[in-house]
Amino acid sequence: MKARLLAACTAAVTLLSGCTFSTSIDGLLSPPKLSVEQEQIYEALRRAAGSNISLKYPKTGDYLSAFIVSDIDGDGEDEALVFYEKNLLQSEENALRLNVLDQINGSWRSVYDLAAGGAEVEKVMISRLGSNSRTNIIVGYSMVNRGERVLSVYDYRDGALTETLNSSYSLADVCDLDQNGENELLIVCGQTVSQSARAVTYVLARDGSYYESRTALNEGFTDFANLLYGNTADGIPCVWLDGMTGSSTIQTQALTMQEGVLTLVYTDGDSGIRTSRQSGYLTCDLDGDGIAEIPVNTLFPGYTDATESEQIRMTSWYECRGGSLMRKCSGYYSPDQQFSFVLPRRWERKVTVKQDALAEELVFYKLGRSLEDSTLPLLRLCITDSADTLQDRLDNGYVLLCSKNGLRYLAQVPETTDPLGLTVSEAILLFHA
């Protein structure tokens, strides 16, 4: 493939359960090879449940194996959790089951089995919550069409698995949002016919009761495209939610927790800035400083009267400071190619961008009286996965900015005496991928 044209198009949004993306292991051509311990657990399961079973794997999160080995009852020894399906059940029966196995006299044995709360395992978390020392088994399930999700929290003790909490959810995670050294269970729900969008945190008191704190979210949030942990510019730890408000639009709300109370950091619309944008533009930590930035779309100069297909979007990244959103920087961002170039301050309102279809490049120009009159090139960017194209570009004065996922990102900085001229060092510092 030759160098790719850097088109400003929106990537398809992957709806997630938690903050990590993963494909189902169920779809692999052959199951992963089991370890010796897993083979022993599997044989113990087959002895208890029969041989006509299929293992099921969580789709996201830290636990992606069908065999989850952990000390879930605090006795100092590991138990095993295994998700499986009984084959040949009637279609109206729930085939998914959860089995607990323990080591008895040095051998794995099934000690408890129950019907799972859904058709598929989305995510598994094992954690203490709040000040209680109990280990909680937190499982996110989805129904047959994966459109509905249910979260179950289990407590394993005295050889039995007991459900202590059940809730619908869109996203769920375990985090220490208030940074007090104790974890909370965060559940985020989109709006449905019967319930409004909301976020809820749960912690366990020492007596085993749940303490919850909840806050209403944007009533238009039907699902969520992204969950990100990051600070405000004031250093307040937050969780940032990119909520779906339409089939291809998102808005962002930030939550923080102080003294056990979950609250919104700002109201969308503060300072006249709205976070509504195309769904590929997700909240991120653009420069790795620990502060979350929200990308909001405008147009590069000269494109106001252009057709939508011809327009090139400028992205302005906003950070939260003093409870309000403030612009941090602006530049070009490509969700599909996962890179951004931040405009130096001296370029703002003085530079525009064009696509060079022949050279398959994105070119930044000094802004003239019109787009057609903008002819002084200041920077050229291109992407390639071809070794031949890479070498050809390097031979013609391009520099390699970075390599990622088999792609090479290159830049050429034309020589100019214009004050807007860029240095190679600046180009490298302002590029993010």
Protein backbone atom coordinates (compact mmCIF):
# COMPACT_ATOMS: atom_id res chain seq x y z
CA MET A 1 0.00 0.00 0.00
CA LYS A 2 1.22 3.49 -0.81
CA ALA A 3 1.16 6.43 1.55
CA ARG A 4 -2.33 6.95 2.88
CA LEU A 5 -4.35 10.11 2.45
CA LEU A 6 -5.08 11.53 5.87
CA ALA A 7 -8.84 11.97 5.56
CA ALA A 8 -10.70 13.46 8.50
CA CYS A 9 -13.31 10.78 8.90
CA THR A 10 -14.92 9.38 12.01
CA ALA A 11 -14.03 5.93 13.30
CA ALA A 12 -16.81 3.54 14.16
CA VAL A 13 -17.50 3.54 17.86
CA THR A 14 -17.03 0.33 19.79
CA LEU A 15 -19.37 0.21 22.76
CA LEU A 16 -17.57 -1.13 25.77
CA SER A 17 -18.20 -2.60 29.14
CA GLY A 18 -15.41 -0.98 31.14
CA CYS A 19 -12.41 0.74 29.80
CA THR A 20 -10.72 -2.04 27.65
CA PHE A 21 -11.43 -3.43 24.18
CA SER A 22 -11.23 -7.15 23.41
CA THR A 23 -12.54 -9.64 20.92
CA SER A 24 -14.20 -12.80 22.14
CA ILE A 25 -11.97 -15.82 22.45
CA ASP A 26 -15.02 -17.87 21.53
CA GLY A 27 -14.40 -16.80 17.94
CA LEU A 28 -10.92 -18.27 17.65
CA LEU A 29 -10.46 -21.16 15.24
CA SER A 30 -9.15 -23.35 18.05
CA PRO A 31 -9.30 -22.92 21.84
CA PRO A 32 -6.14 -21.79 23.64
CA LYS A 33 -3.88 -24.53 24.99
CA LEU A 34 -4.62 -25.24 28.64
CA SER A 35 -1.97 -25.22 31.33
CA VAL A 36 -1.50 -28.26 33.57
CA GLU A 37 -3.54 -26.64 36.34
CA GLN A 38 -6.28 -25.66 33.91
CA GLU A 39 -6.41 -29.22 32.58
CA GLN A 40 -6.89 -30.47 36.14
CA ILE A 41 -9.66 -27.93 36.77
CA TYR A 42 -11.31 -28.77 33.46
CA GLU A 43 -11.32 -32.50 34.21
CA ALA A 44 -12.84 -31.83 37.64
CA LEU A 45 -15.54 -29.73 35.99
CA ARG A 46 -16.28 -32.46 33.44
CA ARG A 47 -16.64 -35.01 36.23
CA ALA A 48 -19.24 -32.79 37.91
CA ALA A 49 -21.07 -31.27 34.93
CA GLY A 50 -20.60 -33.93 32.29
CA SER A 51 -18.48 -34.02 29.16
CA ASN A 52 -20.94 -32.26 26.84
CA ILE A 53 -19.98 -28.72 27.85
CA SER A 54 -18.32 -25.69 26.25
CA LEU A 55 -16.11 -23.23 28.08
CA LYS A 56 -17.08 -19.55 27.97
CA TYR A 57 -14.69 -16.63 28.14
CA PRO A 58 -15.11 -13.06 29.45
CA LYS A 59 -14.94 -10.60 26.55
CA THR A 60 -13.24 -7.67 28.30
CA GLY A 61 -11.32 -6.82 31.45
CA ASP A 62 -8.34 -8.30 33.27
CA TYR A 63 -9.73 -11.84 33.38
CA LEU A 64 -10.03 -13.21 29.86
CA SER A 65 -9.64 -16.91 30.61
CA ALA A 66 -12.48 -19.35 31.21
CA PHE A 67 -10.49 -20.40 34.30
CA ILE A 68 -10.20 -17.68 36.95
CA VAL A 69 -7.98 -18.81 39.81
CA SER A 70 -8.00 -16.61 42.90
CA ASP A 71 -8.50 -16.70 46.66
CA ILE A 72 -12.15 -15.68 46.68
CA ASP A 73 -12.98 -16.62 50.28
CA GLY A 74 -9.91 -15.28 52.08
CA ASP A 75 -8.73 -18.65 53.37
CA GLY A 76 -5.24 -18.23 51.93
CA GLU A 77 -5.76 -20.83 49.21
CA ASP A 78 -6.94 -20.38 45.64
CA GLU A 79 -10.31 -21.41 44.30
CA ALA A 80 -11.30 -21.56 40.63
CA LEU A 81 -14.23 -19.97 38.83
CA VAL A 82 -15.23 -21.48 35.49
CA PHE A 83 -17.92 -20.28 33.10
CA TYR A 84 -19.36 -22.94 30.84
CA GLU A 85 -22.41 -23.94 28.84
CA LYS A 86 -24.25 -27.21 28.86
CA ASN A 87 -24.81 -28.23 25.28
CA LEU A 88 -28.09 -29.58 23.90
CA LEU A 89 -30.30 -27.66 26.32
CA GLN A 90 -33.71 -26.45 25.17
CA SER A 91 -33.53 -22.96 23.65
CA GLU A 92 -35.65 -21.45 26.43
CA GLU A 93 -33.21 -22.62 29.09
CA ASN A 94 -30.24 -20.49 30.18
CA ALA A 95 -27.22 -22.52 29.12
CA LEU A 96 -24.55 -20.39 30.81
CA ARG A 97 -23.40 -21.54 34.23
CA LEU A 98 -20.78 -20.62 36.81
CA ASN A 99 -18.93 -23.32 38.69
CA VAL A 100 -16.72 -22.96 41.76
CA LEU A 101 -13.95 -25.49 42.29
CA ASP A 102 -11.66 -25.92 45.28
CA GLN A 103 -8.66 -28.06 46.11
CA ILE A 104 -9.54 -30.86 48.49
CA ASN A 105 -6.72 -33.14 49.59
CA GLY A 106 -4.61 -31.83 46.73
CA SER A 107 -7.20 -32.42 43.99
CA TRP A 108 -9.56 -29.99 42.28
CA ARG A 109 -13.25 -30.67 42.91
CA SER A 110 -16.46 -28.89 42.00
CA VAL A 111 -18.03 -27.48 45.17
CA TYR A 112 -20.78 -25.19 43.85
CA ASP A 113 -22.64 -24.59 40.60
CA LEU A 114 -25.30 -22.06 39.64
CA ALA A 115 -27.10 -20.66 36.63
CA ALA A 116 -25.44 -17.45 35.45
CA GLY A 117 -27.29 -14.16 35.17
CA GLY A 118 -27.08 -13.84 31.39
CA ALA A 119 -26.22 -15.48 28.10
CA GLU A 120 -22.65 -14.18 27.75
CA VAL A 121 -19.87 -13.16 30.14
CA GLU A 122 -18.83 -9.59 29.42
CA LYS A 123 -16.42 -8.84 32.26
CA VAL A 124 -15.18 -10.27 35.56
CA MET A 125 -13.68 -8.29 38.43
CA ILE A 126 -12.49 -9.57 41.81
CA SER A 127 -12.00 -6.94 44.47
CA ARG A 128 -12.70 -5.69 47.94
CA LEU A 129 -15.10 -2.76 48.14
CA GLY A 130 -14.86 -0.05 50.77
CA SER A 131 -13.63 -0.89 54.26
CA ASN A 132 -14.99 -4.44 54.28
CA SER A 133 -12.38 -7.20 53.93
CA ARG A 134 -14.72 -9.41 51.90
CA THR A 135 -13.56 -10.44 48.44
CA ASN A 136 -16.30 -9.75 45.90
CA ILE A 137 -16.78 -11.58 42.60
CA ILE A 138 -18.26 -9.05 40.17
CA VAL A 139 -19.59 -10.40 36.88
CA GLY A 140 -21.08 -8.43 34.01
CA TYR A 141 -23.44 -10.43 31.83
CA SER A 142 -25.18 -9.67 28.56
CA MET A 143 -28.41 -11.10 27.26
CA VAL A 144 -28.77 -12.99 23.98
CA ASN A 145 -28.68 -9.88 21.77
CA ARG A 146 -26.02 -8.17 23.95
CA GLY A 147 -28.26 -5.10 24.03
CA GLU A 148 -29.10 -5.58 27.70
CA ARG A 149 -26.47 -6.05 30.41
CA VAL A 150 -26.80 -7.17 34.01
CA LEU A 151 -24.17 -6.99 36.75
CA SER A 152 -24.07 -9.51 39.59
CA VAL A 153 -21.91 -9.28 42.71
CA TYR A 154 -21.28 -12.59 44.48
CA ASP A 155 -19.93 -13.52 47.90
CA TYR A 156 -18.36 -16.97 48.27
CA ARG A 157 -18.25 -18.37 51.77
CA ASP A 158 -18.97 -21.67 53.52
CA GLY A 159 -18.92 -23.42 50.15
CA ALA A 160 -21.75 -21.39 48.64
CA LEU A 161 -21.93 -18.53 46.15
CA THR A 162 -24.47 -15.86 47.13
CA GLU A 163 -25.57 -12.92 44.99
CA THR A 164 -25.41 -9.74 47.08
CA LEU A 165 -26.12 -7.14 44.38
CA ASN A 166 -27.84 -7.16 41.01
CA SER A 167 -28.12 -4.20 38.66
CA SER A 168 -28.54 -3.35 35.02
CA TYR A 169 -25.54 -1.51 33.57
CA SER A 170 -23.93 -0.06 30.49
CA LEU A 171 -20.40 0.28 31.92
CA ALA A 172 -18.97 -1.04 35.15
CA ASP A 173 -15.57 -0.83 36.79
CA VAL A 174 -13.80 -1.04 40.13
CA CYS A 175 -11.84 2.08 41.01
CA ASP A 176 -10.63 4.24 43.87
CA LEU A 177 -12.29 7.39 42.60
CA ASP A 178 -11.84 9.42 45.78
CA GLN A 179 -8.28 8.10 46.26
CA ASN A 180 -8.83 7.11 49.89
CA GLY A 181 -7.15 3.74 49.46
CA GLU A 182 -10.45 1.83 49.21
CA ASN A 183 -12.19 0.68 46.04
CA GLU A 184 -15.67 1.57 44.85
CA LEU A 185 -17.84 -0.28 42.35
CA LEU A 186 -18.87 2.18 39.65
CA ILE A 187 -21.96 1.38 37.59
CA VAL A 188 -23.04 3.61 34.71
CA CYS A 189 -26.44 3.18 33.04
CA GLY A 190 -27.85 4.72 29.90
CA GLN A 191 -31.39 5.98 29.60
CA THR A 192 -34.12 3.42 28.98
CA VAL A 193 -37.90 3.58 28.72
CA SER A 194 -38.23 2.98 32.46
CA GLN A 195 -35.07 4.61 33.89
CA SER A 196 -33.04 7.76 33.38
CA ALA A 197 -29.29 7.80 32.74
CA ARG A 198 -27.31 7.61 35.96
CA ALA A 199 -24.03 6.76 37.64
CA VAL A 200 -23.88 4.90 40.95
CA THR A 201 -21.01 3.92 43.24
CA TYR A 202 -21.22 1.12 45.79
CA VAL A 203 -18.96 0.45 48.77
CA LEU A 204 -19.28 -2.16 51.47
CA ALA A 205 -19.48 -1.08 55.09
CA ARG A 206 -17.80 -3.20 57.75
CA ASP A 207 -21.17 -4.78 58.61
CA GLY A 208 -21.60 -5.99 55.02
CA SER A 209 -24.26 -3.49 53.96
CA TYR A 210 -23.89 -1.50 50.75
CA TYR A 211 -23.56 2.25 50.81
CA GLU A 212 -24.47 3.85 47.51
CA SER A 213 -24.09 7.30 46.02
CA ARG A 214 -25.74 8.21 42.74
CA THR A 215 -26.05 11.13 40.39
CA ALA A 216 -28.18 11.74 37.33
CA LEU A 217 -26.44 11.96 33.96
CA ASN A 218 -27.43 13.70 30.75
CA GLU A 219 -30.95 12.47 30.04
CA GLY A 220 -29.98 11.93 26.41
CA PHE A 221 -27.27 9.34 27.19
CA THR A 222 -28.49 6.02 25.80
CA ASP A 223 -25.14 4.21 25.95
CA PHE A 224 -21.46 5.00 26.39
CA ALA A 225 -18.54 5.05 23.98
CA ASN A 226 -15.72 5.62 26.44
CA LEU A 227 -14.74 5.73 30.10
CA LEU A 228 -11.50 7.43 31.08
CA TYR A 229 -9.81 8.17 34.39
CA GLY A 230 -7.96 11.48 34.48
CA ASN A 231 -7.56 14.65 36.49
CA THR A 232 -8.94 18.10 35.93
CA ALA A 233 -6.40 20.87 35.42
CA ASP A 234 -6.88 21.58 39.15
CA GLY A 235 -5.75 18.06 40.04
CA ILE A 236 -9.19 16.67 40.92
CA PRO A 237 -9.39 12.93 40.08
CA CYS A 238 -12.38 12.20 37.84
CA VAL A 239 -13.98 9.61 35.65
CA TRP A 240 -14.87 11.00 32.22
CA LEU A 241 -17.85 9.53 30.38
CA ASP A 242 -18.43 9.94 26.66
CA GLY A 243 -22.15 9.28 26.40
CA MET A 244 -24.00 8.46 23.19
CA THR A 245 -26.70 11.04 22.45
CA GLY A 246 -27.51 9.71 18.98
CA SER A 247 -26.34 7.10 16.53
CA SER A 248 -23.14 9.05 15.81
CA THR A 249 -22.87 11.83 18.40
CA ILE A 250 -21.46 11.94 21.92
CA GLN A 251 -21.22 14.37 24.82
CA THR A 252 -18.92 14.25 27.84
CA GLN A 253 -19.62 14.47 31.54
CA ALA A 254 -17.08 14.18 34.37
CA LEU A 255 -17.71 12.67 37.79
CA THR A 256 -15.73 12.97 40.99
CA MET A 257 -16.22 11.56 44.47
CA GLN A 258 -15.48 13.42 47.67
CA GLU A 259 -16.39 12.28 51.19
CA GLY A 260 -18.39 9.42 49.73
CA VAL A 261 -20.58 11.59 47.49
CA LEU A 262 -20.58 11.20 43.70
CA THR A 263 -21.04 14.52 41.90
CA LEU A 264 -20.77 16.08 38.45
CA VAL A 265 -17.69 18.25 37.97
CA TYR A 266 -19.30 20.59 35.47
CA THR A 267 -22.55 21.01 33.58
CA ASP A 268 -22.34 20.57 29.83
CA GLY A 269 -22.61 24.05 28.39
CA ASP A 270 -20.49 25.89 30.98
CA SER A 271 -18.62 28.88 29.54
CA GLY A 272 -20.70 28.55 26.37
CA ILE A 273 -18.77 25.42 25.37
CA ARG A 274 -20.73 22.34 24.40
CA THR A 275 -19.04 18.98 24.16
CA SER A 276 -21.41 17.54 21.54
CA ARG A 277 -19.40 16.07 18.65
CA GLN A 278 -19.00 13.11 16.32
CA SER A 279 -18.65 9.81 18.11
CA GLY A 280 -15.08 9.02 17.07
CA TYR A 281 -13.68 11.95 19.02
CA LEU A 282 -13.15 10.40 22.46
CA THR A 283 -11.92 12.08 25.61
CA CYS A 284 -8.22 11.34 26.10
CA ASP A 285 -5.02 12.40 27.83
CA LEU A 286 -3.54 14.03 24.76
CA ASP A 287 -0.07 14.82 26.07
CA GLY A 288 0.33 12.27 28.87
CA ASP A 289 0.20 14.81 31.70
CA GLY A 290 -2.57 13.00 33.58
CA ILE A 291 -5.16 15.65 32.66
CA ALA A 292 -8.15 14.60 30.55
CA GLU A 293 -8.89 16.60 27.42
CA ILE A 294 -12.21 16.70 25.55
CA PRO A 295 -11.94 17.08 21.75
CA VAL A 296 -14.53 19.45 20.28
CA ASN A 297 -14.92 19.97 16.52
CA THR A 298 -14.90 23.17 14.52
CA LEU A 299 -13.66 23.83 10.96
CA PHE A 300 -10.26 24.89 9.73
CA PRO A 301 -10.24 28.41 8.23
CA GLY A 302 -11.54 28.55 4.67
CA TYR A 303 -14.03 25.65 4.89
CA THR A 304 -17.17 27.45 6.07
CA ASP A 305 -18.77 27.39 2.62
CA ALA A 306 -17.39 24.00 1.56
CA THR A 307 -19.60 20.94 1.26
CA GLU A 308 -19.52 18.54 4.19
CA SER A 309 -17.49 15.99 2.22
CA GLU A 310 -14.86 18.64 1.44
CA GLN A 311 -14.61 20.09 4.94
CA ILE A 312 -11.58 19.43 7.14
CA ARG A 313 -12.32 19.61 10.83
CA MET A 314 -10.20 21.36 13.39
CA THR A 315 -10.20 19.84 16.87
CA SER A 316 -9.95 21.95 20.00
CA TRP A 317 -9.11 20.09 23.20
CA TYR A 318 -10.74 21.38 26.38
CA GLU A 319 -9.69 20.75 29.96
CA CYS A 320 -11.70 21.40 33.11
CA ARG A 321 -10.39 24.16 35.36
CA GLY A 322 -12.28 25.71 38.24
CA GLY A 323 -15.39 23.75 37.33
CA SER A 324 -15.52 25.13 33.78
CA LEU A 325 -14.22 23.93 30.43
CA MET A 326 -11.35 25.93 28.96
CA ARG A 327 -9.59 25.45 25.64
CA LYS A 328 -6.10 24.01 26.05
CA CYS A 329 -4.99 23.75 22.42
CA SER A 330 -6.24 23.17 18.88
CA GLY A 331 -5.05 21.07 15.97
CA TYR A 332 -5.81 18.26 13.56
CA TYR A 333 -7.05 14.90 14.85
CA SER A 334 -7.79 11.77 12.85
CA PRO A 335 -9.82 9.23 14.85
CA ASP A 336 -9.41 6.52 12.22
CA GLN A 337 -5.62 6.91 12.01
CA GLN A 338 -5.32 7.61 15.76
CA PHE A 339 -2.95 10.56 15.54
CA SER A 340 -3.09 14.28 16.22
CA PHE A 341 -1.00 17.32 15.42
CA VAL A 342 -1.31 20.28 17.79
CA LEU A 343 -0.98 23.71 16.21
CA PRO A 344 1.72 25.93 17.70
CA ARG A 345 0.17 29.07 19.21
CA ARG A 346 1.56 31.30 16.45
CA TRP A 347 -0.37 29.25 13.86
CA GLU A 348 -3.80 29.79 15.38
CA ARG A 349 -6.15 31.62 12.98
CA LYS A 350 -3.22 31.98 10.58
CA VAL A 351 -2.92 28.45 9.16
CA THR A 352 -5.27 26.10 7.34
CA VAL A 353 -5.08 22.54 5.99
CA LYS A 354 -5.57 20.92 2.59
CA GLN A 355 -5.49 17.34 1.40
CA ASP A 356 -3.06 16.66 -1.44
CA ALA A 357 -4.75 13.70 -3.12
CA LEU A 358 -1.96 13.24 -5.68
CA ALA A 359 0.82 13.03 -3.10
CA GLU A 360 -1.49 11.40 -0.52
CA GLU A 361 -0.56 13.93 2.12
CA LEU A 362 -2.07 16.39 4.54
CA VAL A 363 -0.53 19.83 4.04
CA PHE A 364 -0.64 22.81 6.39
CA TYR A 365 -0.57 26.19 4.62
CA LYS A 366 -0.24 29.80 5.68
CA LEU A 367 -3.75 31.22 5.46
CA GLY A 368 -4.29 33.61 2.57
CA ARG A 369 -7.32 35.67 1.64
CA SER A 370 -9.11 32.45 0.70
CA LEU A 371 -8.47 28.72 0.74
CA GLU A 372 -7.33 28.83 -2.89
CA ASP A 373 -5.01 31.73 -2.06
CA SER A 374 -3.35 29.74 0.75
CA THR A 375 -0.27 28.47 -1.09
CA LEU A 376 2.73 28.67 1.28
CA PRO A 377 3.27 25.14 2.67
CA LEU A 378 4.47 24.92 6.27
CA LEU A 379 4.21 21.18 6.98
CA ARG A 380 3.43 17.95 5.12
CA LEU A 381 2.25 14.80 6.90
CA CYS A 382 1.81 11.31 5.48
CA ILE A 383 1.39 7.73 6.65
CA THR A 384 2.65 4.55 5.02
CA ASP A 385 3.00 0.85 5.75
CA SER A 386 5.26 0.30 2.75
CA ALA A 387 9.03 0.00 3.23
CA ASP A 388 9.62 1.26 -0.31
CA THR A 389 7.43 4.32 0.22
CA LEU A 390 9.12 4.97 3.55
CA GLN A 391 12.56 4.95 1.97
CA ASP A 392 11.40 7.14 -0.91
CA ARG A 393 10.01 9.72 1.51
CA LEU A 394 13.16 9.68 3.64
CA ASP A 395 15.26 10.20 0.52
CA ASN A 396 13.15 13.28 -0.26
CA GLY A 397 13.67 15.07 3.03
CA TYR A 398 10.93 13.59 5.18
CA VAL A 399 11.58 12.65 8.81
CA LEU A 400 10.08 9.70 10.64
CA LEU A 401 7.90 10.97 13.48
CA CYS A 402 7.01 7.57 14.91
CA SER A 403 6.05 3.98 14.10
CA LYS A 404 2.91 2.37 15.51
CA ASN A 405 0.97 -0.79 14.65
CA GLY A 406 2.93 -1.28 11.44
CA LEU A 407 2.38 2.29 10.24
CA ARG A 408 5.07 4.94 9.78
CA TYR A 409 4.14 8.57 10.35
CA LEU A 410 6.33 11.01 8.41
CA ALA A 411 6.67 14.77 8.11
CA GLN A 412 8.39 17.18 5.78
CA VAL A 413 9.13 20.71 7.01
CA PRO A 414 9.71 23.02 4.01
CA GLU A 415 12.36 25.69 4.36
CA THR A 416 10.93 29.20 4.70
CA THR A 417 11.86 32.57 6.18
CA ASP A 418 8.24 33.24 7.11
CA PRO A 419 7.70 33.74 10.88
CA LEU A 420 5.16 30.91 10.77
CA GLY A 421 7.88 28.48 9.68
CA LEU A 422 8.23 25.32 11.72
CA THR A 423 11.32 23.42 12.86
CA VAL A 424 11.67 19.65 12.72
CA SER A 425 11.98 19.56 16.52
CA GLU A 426 8.68 21.40 16.87
CA ALA A 427 6.98 19.02 14.46
CA ILE A 428 8.12 16.04 16.49
CA LEU A 429 7.00 17.57 19.81
CA LEU A 430 3.58 18.59 18.49
CA PHE A 431 2.77 15.21 16.91
CA HIS A 432 0.94 12.57 18.99
CA ALA A 433 0.06 9.01 18.02
